[in-house]
């Protein structure tokens, strides 16, 4: 199918369930870590249910991919090991997440730091402050 937009040819989860590799018909292939996909979710719950800048999603360093389910011919639903399973990732979104990974990840890390949040969790369930 040639729509002028990159079309996925393969979505593959590694054995450790920590990385989704998305390959496209333009020859691009992106290794997308589970944590990156989880914090970049399009889910309204994690976007804050409103307009304005999206809040960063902290504490997801150890998240894995539990399952991936195709949704029609346009997207995939990715279920994560933390129970989150409401985000849909369109083929365009997966491509953009791969293409722009360096910039998006850097902004995410900067946003966490600016808000005093962390990628990990402290013992006892609380959010750890600082540290990437």
Foldseek 3Di string as FASTA:
>chain_A
DPPVDWAWPDWDADPVQQWIWTATPVGDIFTHGPLLCVQPFPDCVQQVVDDDGRQTDAAAPPKGWPDWADDPRFWIFTAIPVGDTPGTQGPRNVVCCRVCVVVVVVVSVVRCLVVQFHNHDDPPGHTHGDDD
